[in-house]
Amino acid sequence: MIKAIIFDMGGVLVDLDIEDCKKAFKDRLGYYDIDEIIDACHQKGIYGDLEEGILSADDFRSIVLAGSRPDAVAEDVDEAMSHILVGIEPYKAEMLKRLSEKYELYMLSNNNPICVRYSRKMFEDAGIPLENIFRKCYFSYEMKALKPSETFYRNVVSDIGLPAEQMLFIDDSMKNVEGSVAAGLPAVFYQPGTDLEALLEDVLDREGRMS
């Protein structure tokens, strides 16, 4: 029986717009190397190092500014980065409220301190502050590891303290889903833009019939 549901953030709970983020870096900072560090998986080069906790936010800003227009400042980097985050669909906020009454909810996300700051505000504005809905958030930059590292998943399972078969992880990257399953953590793939609630209802209903 599933007792804990673990959500990825970007692409699952928070809609993303990678192209708008790239445009913001180019237009606001004149930083054109952004195409080399952010793609559909958005963990390459210095961006990957930021999300893995190898670079601090200040380190990342300094590197970006060194390749930007002379008048660009640190706040421009943060503002451009925030353009990757679109928002949380209202039905997902209501779904999380209901699920939190029945299941332990967690978050497991390849993420960075700049985006997390903006994301926290989005969750608060949606009426679901992270600390109120999730028992714990596991962010890659704090864990010093990136999905699909099996060590990352195993450390999360160990920290939660439930048998892995009583957990379910949801991610919008098939690579991350496969890594989770390989580490022993059951996982399902979510296609961004589809009905997350319907997917969960189907998976939990099937699991209930089998248990």
N, C-alpha and C. Protein backbone atom coordinates (compact mmCIF):
# COMPACT_ATOMS: atom_id res chain seq x y z
N MET A 1 0.83 -1.19 0.00
CA MET A 1 0.00 0.00 0.00
C MET A 1 0.87 1.25 0.00
N ILE A 2 0.55 2.19 -0.88
CA ILE A 2 1.31 3.44 -0.96
C ILE A 2 1.00 4.32 0.25
N LYS A 3 2.06 4.73 0.94
CA LYS A 3 1.91 5.63 2.08
C LYS A 3 2.55 7.00 1.83
N ALA A 4 3.48 7.04 0.88
CA ALA A 4 4.19 8.30 0.60
C ALA A 4 4.27 8.53 -0.90
N ILE A 5 3.97 9.76 -1.32
CA ILE A 5 4.08 10.15 -2.72
C ILE A 5 5.15 11.23 -2.82
N ILE A 6 6.08 11.02 -3.72
CA ILE A 6 7.21 11.93 -3.89
C ILE A 6 7.09 12.59 -5.26
N PHE A 7 7.02 13.90 -5.27
CA PHE A 7 6.84 14.65 -6.51
C PHE A 7 8.13 15.34 -6.95
N ASP A 8 8.39 15.29 -8.24
CA ASP A 8 9.33 16.23 -8.83
C ASP A 8 8.65 17.60 -8.84
N MET A 9 9.43 18.68 -8.89
CA MET A 9 8.81 20.01 -8.92
C MET A 9 8.58 20.49 -10.35
N GLY A 10 9.67 20.86 -11.04
CA GLY A 10 9.53 21.45 -12.37
C GLY A 10 9.05 20.47 -13.40
N GLY A 11 7.99 20.84 -14.12
CA GLY A 11 7.43 19.97 -15.14
C GLY A 11 6.32 19.09 -14.63
N VAL A 12 6.28 18.89 -13.31
CA VAL A 12 5.22 18.08 -12.70
C VAL A 12 4.26 18.99 -11.93
N LEU A 13 4.76 19.69 -10.93
CA LEU A 13 3.92 20.59 -10.14
C LEU A 13 3.99 22.03 -10.65
N VAL A 14 5.16 22.44 -11.07
CA VAL A 14 5.34 23.80 -11.59
C VAL A 14 5.60 23.72 -13.09
N ASP A 15 4.78 24.41 -13.88
CA ASP A 15 4.99 24.44 -15.32
C ASP A 15 6.25 25.24 -15.64
N LEU A 16 6.97 24.79 -16.68
CA LEU A 16 8.23 25.42 -17.06
C LEU A 16 8.17 25.99 -18.47
N ASP A 17 8.99 27.00 -18.72
CA ASP A 17 9.15 27.55 -20.07
C ASP A 17 10.63 27.83 -20.29
N ILE A 18 11.33 26.82 -20.79
CA ILE A 18 12.78 26.92 -20.96
C ILE A 18 13.14 27.97 -22.01
N GLU A 19 12.36 28.04 -23.08
CA GLU A 19 12.67 29.00 -24.15
C GLU A 19 12.53 30.44 -23.66
N ASP A 20 11.54 30.71 -22.83
CA ASP A 20 11.38 32.06 -22.30
C ASP A 20 12.55 32.42 -21.38
N CYS A 21 13.05 31.43 -20.66
CA CYS A 21 14.21 31.64 -19.79
C CYS A 21 15.44 32.00 -20.63
N LYS A 22 15.65 31.25 -21.70
CA LYS A 22 16.78 31.55 -22.59
C LYS A 22 16.67 32.96 -23.16
N LYS A 23 15.47 33.32 -23.59
CA LYS A 23 15.24 34.64 -24.17
C LYS A 23 15.55 35.74 -23.15
N ALA A 24 15.16 35.51 -21.89
CA ALA A 24 15.40 36.50 -20.85
C ALA A 24 16.90 36.70 -20.60
N PHE A 25 17.67 35.62 -20.62
CA PHE A 25 19.11 35.75 -20.44
C PHE A 25 19.73 36.55 -21.58
N LYS A 26 19.25 36.32 -22.79
CA LYS A 26 19.80 37.03 -23.95
C LYS A 26 19.37 38.49 -23.96
N ASP A 27 18.08 38.73 -23.73
CA ASP A 27 17.55 40.09 -23.81
C ASP A 27 17.97 40.95 -22.63
N ARG A 28 17.92 40.38 -21.43
CA ARG A 28 18.17 41.17 -20.23
C ARG A 28 19.66 41.34 -19.93
N LEU A 29 20.44 40.29 -20.23
CA LEU A 29 21.86 40.33 -19.88
C LEU A 29 22.80 40.34 -21.08
N GLY A 30 22.29 39.98 -22.25
CA GLY A 30 23.19 39.80 -23.38
C GLY A 30 24.04 38.56 -23.21
N TYR A 31 23.51 37.57 -22.47
CA TYR A 31 24.26 36.33 -22.20
C TYR A 31 23.76 35.25 -23.17
N TYR A 32 24.58 34.96 -24.19
CA TYR A 32 24.16 34.04 -25.24
C TYR A 32 24.67 32.62 -25.04
N ASP A 33 25.53 32.41 -24.06
CA ASP A 33 25.98 31.05 -23.77
C ASP A 33 24.89 30.22 -23.09
N ILE A 34 23.75 30.84 -22.81
CA ILE A 34 22.66 30.13 -22.13
C ILE A 34 22.21 28.90 -22.91
N ASP A 35 22.32 28.95 -24.25
CA ASP A 35 21.92 27.80 -25.07
C ASP A 35 22.79 26.58 -24.78
N GLU A 36 23.99 26.81 -24.28
CA GLU A 36 24.92 25.71 -24.01
C GLU A 36 24.71 25.07 -22.64
N ILE A 37 23.95 25.71 -21.76
CA ILE A 37 23.84 25.19 -20.39
C ILE A 37 22.42 24.81 -19.98
N ILE A 38 21.42 25.24 -20.75
CA ILE A 38 20.04 24.89 -20.43
C ILE A 38 19.38 24.28 -21.65
N ASP A 39 18.84 23.07 -21.48
CA ASP A 39 18.06 22.44 -22.54
C ASP A 39 16.85 21.79 -21.90
N ALA A 40 16.25 20.83 -22.58
CA ALA A 40 15.04 20.19 -22.06
C ALA A 40 15.28 19.53 -20.71
N CYS A 41 16.52 19.09 -20.46
CA CYS A 41 16.84 18.46 -19.17
C CYS A 41 17.43 19.49 -18.21
N HIS A 42 17.84 20.62 -18.74
CA HIS A 42 18.41 21.78 -18.02
C HIS A 42 19.37 21.46 -16.88
N GLN A 43 20.33 20.57 -17.14
CA GLN A 43 21.42 20.38 -16.19
C GLN A 43 22.72 20.13 -16.94
N LYS A 44 23.33 21.19 -17.47
CA LYS A 44 24.59 21.06 -18.17
C LYS A 44 25.52 22.20 -17.74
N GLY A 45 26.82 21.98 -17.87
CA GLY A 45 27.78 23.03 -17.62
C GLY A 45 27.61 23.69 -16.26
N ILE A 46 27.70 25.02 -16.23
CA ILE A 46 27.61 25.73 -14.95
C ILE A 46 26.21 25.62 -14.34
N TYR A 47 25.19 25.43 -15.18
CA TYR A 47 23.84 25.25 -14.63
C TYR A 47 23.75 23.92 -13.89
N GLY A 48 24.33 22.89 -14.49
CA GLY A 48 24.37 21.60 -13.81
C GLY A 48 25.16 21.67 -12.52
N ASP A 49 26.28 22.40 -12.55
CA ASP A 49 27.09 22.56 -11.34
C ASP A 49 26.32 23.31 -10.25
N LEU A 50 25.51 24.28 -10.66
CA LEU A 50 24.68 25.02 -9.69
C LEU A 50 23.66 24.08 -9.06
N GLU A 51 23.03 23.24 -9.87
CA GLU A 51 21.99 22.36 -9.34
C GLU A 51 22.57 21.19 -8.54
N GLU A 52 23.84 20.88 -8.77
CA GLU A 52 24.48 19.81 -8.01
C GLU A 52 25.15 20.35 -6.74
N GLY A 53 25.10 21.66 -6.55
CA GLY A 53 25.70 22.24 -5.37
C GLY A 53 27.20 22.41 -5.46
N ILE A 54 27.76 22.24 -6.66
CA ILE A 54 29.19 22.45 -6.86
C ILE A 54 29.49 23.95 -6.88
N LEU A 55 28.61 24.70 -7.53
CA LEU A 55 28.70 26.16 -7.55
C LEU A 55 27.65 26.75 -6.62
N SER A 56 28.00 27.80 -5.90
CA SER A 56 27.01 28.54 -5.13
C SER A 56 26.25 29.46 -6.08
N ALA A 57 25.15 30.02 -5.60
CA ALA A 57 24.39 30.97 -6.41
C ALA A 57 25.26 32.17 -6.78
N ASP A 58 26.08 32.65 -5.84
CA ASP A 58 26.96 33.79 -6.12
C ASP A 58 28.01 33.44 -7.17
N ASP A 59 28.54 32.20 -7.09
CA ASP A 59 29.51 31.75 -8.10
C ASP A 59 28.87 31.76 -9.48
N PHE A 60 27.66 31.22 -9.55
CA PHE A 60 26.94 31.14 -10.83
C PHE A 60 26.69 32.54 -11.39
N ARG A 61 26.23 33.44 -10.54
CA ARG A 61 25.97 34.81 -10.99
C ARG A 61 27.24 35.45 -11.54
N SER A 62 28.34 35.26 -10.84
CA SER A 62 29.61 35.88 -11.26
C SER A 62 30.06 35.37 -12.62
N ILE A 63 29.91 34.07 -12.85
CA ILE A 63 30.31 33.48 -14.14
C ILE A 63 29.43 34.01 -15.26
N VAL A 64 28.12 34.06 -15.01
CA VAL A 64 27.20 34.57 -16.02
C VAL A 64 27.49 36.04 -16.32
N LEU A 65 27.69 36.83 -15.28
CA LEU A 65 27.93 38.26 -15.48
C LEU A 65 29.23 38.52 -16.24
N ALA A 66 30.21 37.63 -16.07
CA ALA A 66 31.48 37.79 -16.78
C ALA A 66 31.29 37.65 -18.29
N GLY A 67 30.21 36.96 -18.70
CA GLY A 67 29.93 36.79 -20.12
C GLY A 67 28.76 37.61 -20.60
N SER A 68 28.34 38.58 -19.80
CA SER A 68 27.17 39.41 -20.12
C SER A 68 27.57 40.84 -20.44
N ARG A 69 26.58 41.67 -20.75
CA ARG A 69 26.84 43.09 -20.99
C ARG A 69 27.43 43.74 -19.73
N PRO A 70 28.25 44.77 -19.88
CA PRO A 70 28.89 45.41 -18.71
C PRO A 70 27.91 45.98 -17.70
N ASP A 71 26.71 46.36 -18.15
CA ASP A 71 25.76 46.97 -17.23
C ASP A 71 24.87 45.96 -16.51
N ALA A 72 25.02 44.68 -16.81
CA ALA A 72 24.21 43.65 -16.16
C ALA A 72 24.64 43.47 -14.70
N VAL A 73 23.66 43.19 -13.84
CA VAL A 73 23.94 43.01 -12.41
C VAL A 73 23.34 41.68 -11.94
N ALA A 74 23.68 41.31 -10.70
CA ALA A 74 23.25 40.02 -10.15
C ALA A 74 21.74 39.84 -10.18
N GLU A 75 21.01 40.92 -9.90
CA GLU A 75 19.55 40.83 -9.89
C GLU A 75 19.01 40.46 -11.27
N ASP A 76 19.71 40.85 -12.32
CA ASP A 76 19.30 40.50 -13.68
C ASP A 76 19.40 38.99 -13.90
N VAL A 77 20.43 38.38 -13.32
CA VAL A 77 20.59 36.93 -13.44
C VAL A 77 19.42 36.21 -12.79
N ASP A 78 19.08 36.63 -11.58
CA ASP A 78 17.97 35.99 -10.87
C ASP A 78 16.65 36.19 -11.61
N GLU A 79 16.43 37.40 -12.10
CA GLU A 79 15.19 37.69 -12.81
C GLU A 79 15.09 36.86 -14.09
N ALA A 80 16.18 36.75 -14.82
CA ALA A 80 16.19 35.93 -16.03
C ALA A 80 15.93 34.47 -15.70
N MET A 81 16.55 34.00 -14.63
CA MET A 81 16.35 32.61 -14.21
C MET A 81 14.89 32.34 -13.86
N SER A 82 14.23 33.31 -13.27
CA SER A 82 12.85 33.10 -12.84
C SER A 82 11.90 32.87 -14.00
N HIS A 83 12.32 33.24 -15.21
CA HIS A 83 11.45 33.08 -16.38
C HIS A 83 11.25 31.62 -16.76
N ILE A 84 12.04 30.73 -16.19
CA ILE A 84 11.83 29.30 -16.45
C ILE A 84 10.58 28.79 -15.74
N LEU A 85 10.15 29.51 -14.70
CA LEU A 85 9.01 29.10 -13.89
C LEU A 85 7.75 29.81 -14.36
N VAL A 86 6.74 29.04 -14.74
CA VAL A 86 5.48 29.61 -15.25
C VAL A 86 4.45 29.75 -14.14
N GLY A 87 4.24 28.67 -13.38
CA GLY A 87 3.25 28.72 -12.32
C GLY A 87 2.69 27.35 -11.99
N ILE A 88 1.75 27.32 -11.06
CA ILE A 88 1.12 26.09 -10.59
C ILE A 88 -0.36 26.13 -10.98
N GLU A 89 -0.80 25.12 -11.70
CA GLU A 89 -2.21 25.07 -12.08
C GLU A 89 -3.07 24.90 -10.83
N PRO A 90 -4.18 25.64 -10.73
CA PRO A 90 -5.02 25.58 -9.53
C PRO A 90 -5.46 24.18 -9.14
N TYR A 91 -5.76 23.33 -10.12
CA TYR A 91 -6.23 21.98 -9.77
C TYR A 91 -5.14 21.18 -9.07
N LYS A 92 -3.88 21.47 -9.39
CA LYS A 92 -2.79 20.76 -8.74
C LYS A 92 -2.66 21.20 -7.29
N ALA A 93 -2.89 22.47 -7.02
CA ALA A 93 -2.85 22.95 -5.63
C ALA A 93 -3.92 22.27 -4.80
N GLU A 94 -5.13 22.19 -5.33
CA GLU A 94 -6.23 21.53 -4.61
C GLU A 94 -5.95 20.05 -4.44
N MET A 95 -5.39 19.42 -5.46
CA MET A 95 -5.04 18.01 -5.39
C MET A 95 -4.04 17.75 -4.27
N LEU A 96 -3.02 18.60 -4.15
CA LEU A 96 -2.01 18.42 -3.11
C LEU A 96 -2.62 18.57 -1.72
N LYS A 97 -3.54 19.50 -1.57
CA LYS A 97 -4.21 19.66 -0.27
C LYS A 97 -4.93 18.37 0.12
N ARG A 98 -5.65 17.79 -0.83
CA ARG A 98 -6.40 16.56 -0.54
C ARG A 98 -5.45 15.39 -0.28
N LEU A 99 -4.43 15.27 -1.09
CA LEU A 99 -3.49 14.16 -0.92
C LEU A 99 -2.77 14.23 0.42
N SER A 100 -2.47 15.44 0.87
CA SER A 100 -1.72 15.60 2.13
C SER A 100 -2.50 15.12 3.33
N GLU A 101 -3.81 14.98 3.18
CA GLU A 101 -4.64 14.48 4.28
C GLU A 101 -4.58 12.96 4.39
N LYS A 102 -4.13 12.30 3.33
CA LYS A 102 -4.14 10.83 3.30
C LYS A 102 -2.74 10.23 3.17
N TYR A 103 -1.84 10.97 2.53
CA TYR A 103 -0.50 10.44 2.27
C TYR A 103 0.58 11.37 2.82
N GLU A 104 1.76 10.81 3.04
CA GLU A 104 2.93 11.63 3.32
C GLU A 104 3.42 12.15 1.97
N LEU A 105 3.57 13.45 1.83
CA LEU A 105 4.03 14.03 0.58
C LEU A 105 5.45 14.57 0.73
N TYR A 106 6.25 14.31 -0.30
CA TYR A 106 7.63 14.77 -0.34
C TYR A 106 7.93 15.36 -1.71
N MET A 107 9.00 16.12 -1.78
CA MET A 107 9.44 16.65 -3.06
C MET A 107 10.88 16.23 -3.29
N LEU A 108 11.18 15.81 -4.52
CA LEU A 108 12.53 15.40 -4.91
C LEU A 108 12.83 16.07 -6.24
N SER A 109 13.72 17.06 -6.23
CA SER A 109 13.87 17.92 -7.40
C SER A 109 15.31 18.29 -7.69
N ASN A 110 15.71 18.14 -8.96
CA ASN A 110 16.95 18.77 -9.41
C ASN A 110 16.65 20.26 -9.47
N ASN A 111 17.30 21.03 -8.61
CA ASN A 111 16.91 22.43 -8.48
C ASN A 111 18.09 23.26 -7.98
N ASN A 112 17.87 24.55 -7.88
CA ASN A 112 18.94 25.45 -7.46
C ASN A 112 18.35 26.52 -6.54
N PRO A 113 19.20 27.18 -5.74
CA PRO A 113 18.68 28.13 -4.74
C PRO A 113 17.95 29.33 -5.33
N ILE A 114 18.31 29.72 -6.55
CA ILE A 114 17.63 30.86 -7.17
C ILE A 114 16.20 30.50 -7.52
N CYS A 115 16.02 29.38 -8.22
CA CYS A 115 14.67 28.96 -8.61
C CYS A 115 13.82 28.55 -7.41
N VAL A 116 14.45 27.96 -6.40
CA VAL A 116 13.69 27.55 -5.22
C VAL A 116 13.11 28.77 -4.52
N ARG A 117 13.85 29.86 -4.49
CA ARG A 117 13.34 31.08 -3.85
C ARG A 117 12.07 31.57 -4.56
N TYR A 118 12.10 31.60 -5.87
CA TYR A 118 10.92 32.02 -6.62
C TYR A 118 9.79 30.99 -6.51
N SER A 119 10.15 29.72 -6.51
CA SER A 119 9.14 28.65 -6.41
C SER A 119 8.40 28.71 -5.09
N ARG A 120 9.12 28.97 -4.01
CA ARG A 120 8.47 29.08 -2.70
C ARG A 120 7.35 30.10 -2.73
N LYS A 121 7.62 31.23 -3.37
CA LYS A 121 6.60 32.28 -3.48
C LYS A 121 5.40 31.79 -4.28
N MET A 122 5.65 31.01 -5.34
CA MET A 122 4.55 30.47 -6.15
C MET A 122 3.67 29.54 -5.33
N PHE A 123 4.30 28.68 -4.53
CA PHE A 123 3.53 27.76 -3.70
C PHE A 123 2.74 28.52 -2.64
N GLU A 124 3.35 29.55 -2.07
CA GLU A 124 2.63 30.36 -1.08
C GLU A 124 1.44 31.06 -1.71
N ASP A 125 1.64 31.64 -2.90
CA ASP A 125 0.55 32.34 -3.58
C ASP A 125 -0.57 31.38 -3.97
N ALA A 126 -0.24 30.11 -4.17
CA ALA A 126 -1.24 29.11 -4.53
C ALA A 126 -1.95 28.55 -3.29
N GLY A 127 -1.55 29.03 -2.11
CA GLY A 127 -2.18 28.58 -0.87
C GLY A 127 -1.65 27.27 -0.34
N ILE A 128 -0.48 26.87 -0.84
CA ILE A 128 0.11 25.60 -0.40
C ILE A 128 1.60 25.79 -0.09
N PRO A 129 1.93 26.53 0.97
CA PRO A 129 3.34 26.70 1.32
C PRO A 129 4.05 25.35 1.41
N LEU A 130 5.26 25.29 0.90
CA LEU A 130 5.99 24.03 0.86
C LEU A 130 6.01 23.33 2.21
N GLU A 131 6.29 24.08 3.27
CA GLU A 131 6.42 23.48 4.60
C GLU A 131 5.09 22.94 5.12
N ASN A 132 3.98 23.42 4.60
CA ASN A 132 2.67 22.96 5.07
C ASN A 132 2.20 21.70 4.35
N ILE A 133 2.66 21.52 3.11
CA ILE A 133 2.17 20.42 2.28
C ILE A 133 3.13 19.23 2.27
N PHE A 134 4.43 19.52 2.24
CA PHE A 134 5.42 18.45 2.11
C PHE A 134 6.12 18.19 3.43
N ARG A 135 6.26 16.90 3.76
CA ARG A 135 7.00 16.53 4.97
C ARG A 135 8.45 17.00 4.86
N LYS A 136 8.99 16.92 3.64
CA LYS A 136 10.37 17.35 3.42
C LYS A 136 10.60 17.54 1.93
N CYS A 137 11.44 18.50 1.59
CA CYS A 137 11.83 18.73 0.20
C CYS A 137 13.30 18.36 0.04
N TYR A 138 13.58 17.50 -0.93
CA TYR A 138 14.95 17.09 -1.22
C TYR A 138 15.40 17.78 -2.50
N PHE A 139 16.23 18.80 -2.35
CA PHE A 139 16.72 19.55 -3.50
C PHE A 139 18.15 19.13 -3.83
N SER A 140 18.42 18.96 -5.10
CA SER A 140 19.72 18.45 -5.54
C SER A 140 20.89 19.29 -5.04
N TYR A 141 20.74 20.61 -5.05
CA TYR A 141 21.87 21.46 -4.66
C TYR A 141 22.20 21.31 -3.17
N GLU A 142 21.22 20.89 -2.37
CA GLU A 142 21.46 20.63 -0.95
C GLU A 142 21.98 19.21 -0.73
N MET A 143 21.52 18.28 -1.56
CA MET A 143 21.92 16.88 -1.44
C MET A 143 23.26 16.60 -2.13
N LYS A 144 23.74 17.57 -2.92
CA LYS A 144 25.00 17.42 -3.66
C LYS A 144 24.95 16.23 -4.62
N ALA A 145 23.81 16.05 -5.26
CA ALA A 145 23.63 14.96 -6.21
C ALA A 145 22.49 15.31 -7.15
N LEU A 146 22.53 14.73 -8.35
CA LEU A 146 21.49 14.98 -9.35
C LEU A 146 20.78 13.69 -9.72
N LYS A 147 19.48 13.76 -9.91
CA LYS A 147 18.79 12.66 -10.56
C LYS A 147 19.38 12.53 -11.97
N PRO A 148 19.57 11.33 -12.49
CA PRO A 148 19.05 10.04 -12.00
C PRO A 148 20.05 9.22 -11.18
N SER A 149 20.92 9.86 -10.41
CA SER A 149 21.86 9.12 -9.57
C SER A 149 21.13 8.19 -8.62
N GLU A 150 21.46 6.91 -8.67
CA GLU A 150 20.80 5.94 -7.78
C GLU A 150 21.08 6.27 -6.32
N THR A 151 22.26 6.81 -6.04
CA THR A 151 22.59 7.19 -4.67
C THR A 151 21.62 8.24 -4.14
N PHE A 152 21.25 9.19 -4.99
CA PHE A 152 20.31 10.24 -4.62
C PHE A 152 18.99 9.60 -4.17
N TYR A 153 18.46 8.71 -4.99
CA TYR A 153 17.18 8.07 -4.65
C TYR A 153 17.29 7.24 -3.37
N ARG A 154 18.37 6.48 -3.25
CA ARG A 154 18.52 5.62 -2.07
C ARG A 154 18.65 6.44 -0.80
N ASN A 155 19.33 7.56 -0.87
CA ASN A 155 19.45 8.43 0.31
C ASN A 155 18.10 9.00 0.72
N VAL A 156 17.28 9.34 -0.26
CA VAL A 156 15.95 9.86 0.03
C VAL A 156 15.08 8.78 0.66
N VAL A 157 15.09 7.59 0.09
CA VAL A 157 14.31 6.48 0.65
C VAL A 157 14.74 6.20 2.08
N SER A 158 16.04 6.18 2.32
CA SER A 158 16.56 5.92 3.66
C SER A 158 16.12 7.00 4.64
N ASP A 159 16.13 8.24 4.20
CA ASP A 159 15.77 9.35 5.08
C ASP A 159 14.27 9.33 5.41
N ILE A 160 13.44 8.99 4.44
CA ILE A 160 12.00 8.93 4.69
C ILE A 160 11.68 7.82 5.68
N GLY A 161 12.36 6.69 5.53
CA GLY A 161 12.24 5.64 6.54
C GLY A 161 11.14 4.63 6.32
N LEU A 162 10.45 4.69 5.19
CA LEU A 162 9.44 3.69 4.85
C LEU A 162 10.04 2.68 3.88
N PRO A 163 9.46 1.47 3.80
CA PRO A 163 9.89 0.54 2.76
C PRO A 163 9.67 1.18 1.39
N ALA A 164 10.60 1.00 0.47
CA ALA A 164 10.50 1.64 -0.84
C ALA A 164 9.21 1.27 -1.56
N GLU A 165 8.72 0.06 -1.35
CA GLU A 165 7.50 -0.37 -2.03
C GLU A 165 6.26 0.36 -1.54
N GLN A 166 6.39 1.11 -0.45
CA GLN A 166 5.27 1.91 0.04
C GLN A 166 5.35 3.36 -0.42
N MET A 167 6.26 3.62 -1.36
CA MET A 167 6.44 4.97 -1.89
C MET A 167 6.16 4.98 -3.39
N LEU A 168 5.86 6.16 -3.90
CA LEU A 168 5.66 6.36 -5.34
C LEU A 168 6.29 7.69 -5.73
N PHE A 169 7.15 7.65 -6.74
CA PHE A 169 7.81 8.86 -7.23
C PHE A 169 7.25 9.23 -8.60
N ILE A 170 7.02 10.52 -8.83
CA ILE A 170 6.47 11.00 -10.09
C ILE A 170 7.41 12.02 -10.70
N ASP A 171 7.81 11.80 -11.95
CA ASP A 171 8.76 12.69 -12.61
C ASP A 171 8.38 12.83 -14.09
N ASP A 172 8.77 13.96 -14.68
CA ASP A 172 8.45 14.19 -16.09
C ASP A 172 9.60 13.82 -17.02
N SER A 173 10.64 13.19 -16.47
CA SER A 173 11.77 12.71 -17.27
C SER A 173 11.82 11.19 -17.19
N MET A 174 11.74 10.52 -18.35
CA MET A 174 11.80 9.07 -18.35
C MET A 174 13.14 8.59 -17.81
N LYS A 175 14.20 9.34 -18.07
CA LYS A 175 15.52 8.99 -17.55
C LYS A 175 15.50 8.96 -16.02
N ASN A 176 14.83 9.92 -15.42
CA ASN A 176 14.76 9.97 -13.96
C ASN A 176 13.86 8.88 -13.41
N VAL A 177 12.80 8.56 -14.12
CA VAL A 177 11.92 7.47 -13.71
C VAL A 177 12.67 6.15 -13.74
N GLU A 178 13.41 5.92 -14.81
CA GLU A 178 14.18 4.68 -14.93
C GLU A 178 15.25 4.58 -13.85
N GLY A 179 15.89 5.71 -13.54
CA GLY A 179 16.89 5.71 -12.48
C GLY A 179 16.29 5.40 -11.12
N SER A 180 15.10 5.92 -10.88
CA SER A 180 14.41 5.67 -9.63
C SER A 180 14.07 4.19 -9.48
N VAL A 181 13.51 3.62 -10.54
CA VAL A 181 13.14 2.20 -10.51
C VAL A 181 14.38 1.33 -10.32
N ALA A 182 15.48 1.69 -10.98
CA ALA A 182 16.72 0.93 -10.84
C ALA A 182 17.24 0.97 -9.41
N ALA A 183 16.95 2.07 -8.70
CA ALA A 183 17.38 2.21 -7.31
C ALA A 183 16.40 1.55 -6.34
N GLY A 184 15.31 0.99 -6.86
CA GLY A 184 14.34 0.30 -6.01
C GLY A 184 13.16 1.14 -5.59
N LEU A 185 13.07 2.38 -6.09
CA LEU A 185 11.96 3.27 -5.74
C LEU A 185 10.94 3.27 -6.87
N PRO A 186 9.73 2.74 -6.65
CA PRO A 186 8.70 2.72 -7.70
C PRO A 186 8.43 4.13 -8.22
N ALA A 187 8.28 4.25 -9.53
CA ALA A 187 8.11 5.57 -10.14
C ALA A 187 7.23 5.49 -11.37
N VAL A 188 6.57 6.60 -11.68
CA VAL A 188 5.76 6.69 -12.89
C VAL A 188 6.12 7.97 -13.64
N PHE A 189 5.96 7.92 -14.94
CA PHE A 189 6.26 9.06 -15.81
C PHE A 189 5.02 9.92 -15.98
N TYR A 190 5.22 11.24 -15.84
CA TYR A 190 4.15 12.21 -16.09
C TYR A 190 4.50 13.05 -17.30
N GLN A 191 3.60 13.11 -18.25
CA GLN A 191 3.79 13.95 -19.43
C GLN A 191 3.27 15.35 -19.13
N PRO A 192 4.15 16.36 -19.11
CA PRO A 192 3.69 17.72 -18.83
C PRO A 192 2.54 18.13 -19.74
N GLY A 193 1.58 18.82 -19.15
CA GLY A 193 0.42 19.28 -19.90
C GLY A 193 -0.76 18.34 -19.85
N THR A 194 -0.55 17.13 -19.33
CA THR A 194 -1.65 16.19 -19.17
C THR A 194 -2.21 16.29 -17.76
N ASP A 195 -3.24 15.49 -17.48
CA ASP A 195 -3.94 15.56 -16.19
C ASP A 195 -3.19 14.76 -15.13
N LEU A 196 -2.48 15.46 -14.26
CA LEU A 196 -1.71 14.80 -13.20
C LEU A 196 -2.61 14.07 -12.22
N GLU A 197 -3.74 14.67 -11.90
CA GLU A 197 -4.66 14.06 -10.94
C GLU A 197 -5.21 12.75 -11.48
N ALA A 198 -5.56 12.72 -12.77
CA ALA A 198 -6.09 11.50 -13.38
C ALA A 198 -5.03 10.40 -13.37
N LEU A 199 -3.78 10.77 -13.66
CA LEU A 199 -2.69 9.79 -13.63
C LEU A 199 -2.54 9.19 -12.24
N LEU A 200 -2.54 10.04 -11.23
CA LEU A 200 -2.38 9.56 -9.86
C LEU A 200 -3.54 8.68 -9.44
N GLU A 201 -4.75 9.09 -9.77
CA GLU A 201 -5.93 8.30 -9.42
C GLU A 201 -5.85 6.91 -10.03
N ASP A 202 -5.40 6.85 -11.28
CA ASP A 202 -5.28 5.56 -11.97
C ASP A 202 -4.23 4.68 -11.31
N VAL A 203 -3.05 5.26 -11.03
CA VAL A 203 -1.97 4.49 -10.42
C VAL A 203 -2.35 4.02 -9.02
N LEU A 204 -2.92 4.90 -8.21
CA LEU A 204 -3.28 4.55 -6.84
C LEU A 204 -4.43 3.57 -6.81
N ASP A 205 -5.35 3.68 -7.77
CA ASP A 205 -6.47 2.74 -7.84
C ASP A 205 -5.96 1.35 -8.19
N ARG A 206 -5.06 1.27 -9.16
CA ARG A 206 -4.50 -0.03 -9.54
C ARG A 206 -3.70 -0.63 -8.40
N GLU A 207 -2.94 0.20 -7.71
CA GLU A 207 -2.14 -0.28 -6.57
C GLU A 207 -3.05 -0.78 -5.46
N GLY A 208 -4.17 -0.09 -5.25
CA GLY A 208 -5.12 -0.50 -4.22
C GLY A 208 -5.76 -1.84 -4.52
N ARG A 209 -6.05 -2.08 -5.80
CA ARG A 209 -6.66 -3.35 -6.18
C ARG A 209 -5.68 -4.50 -6.05
N MET A 210 -4.39 -4.21 -6.19
CA MET A 210 -3.38 -5.26 -6.13
C MET A 210 -2.96 -5.58 -4.71
N SER A 211 -3.17 -4.64 -3.78
CA SER A 211 -2.68 -4.84 -2.40
C SER A 211 -3.70 -5.61 -1.58
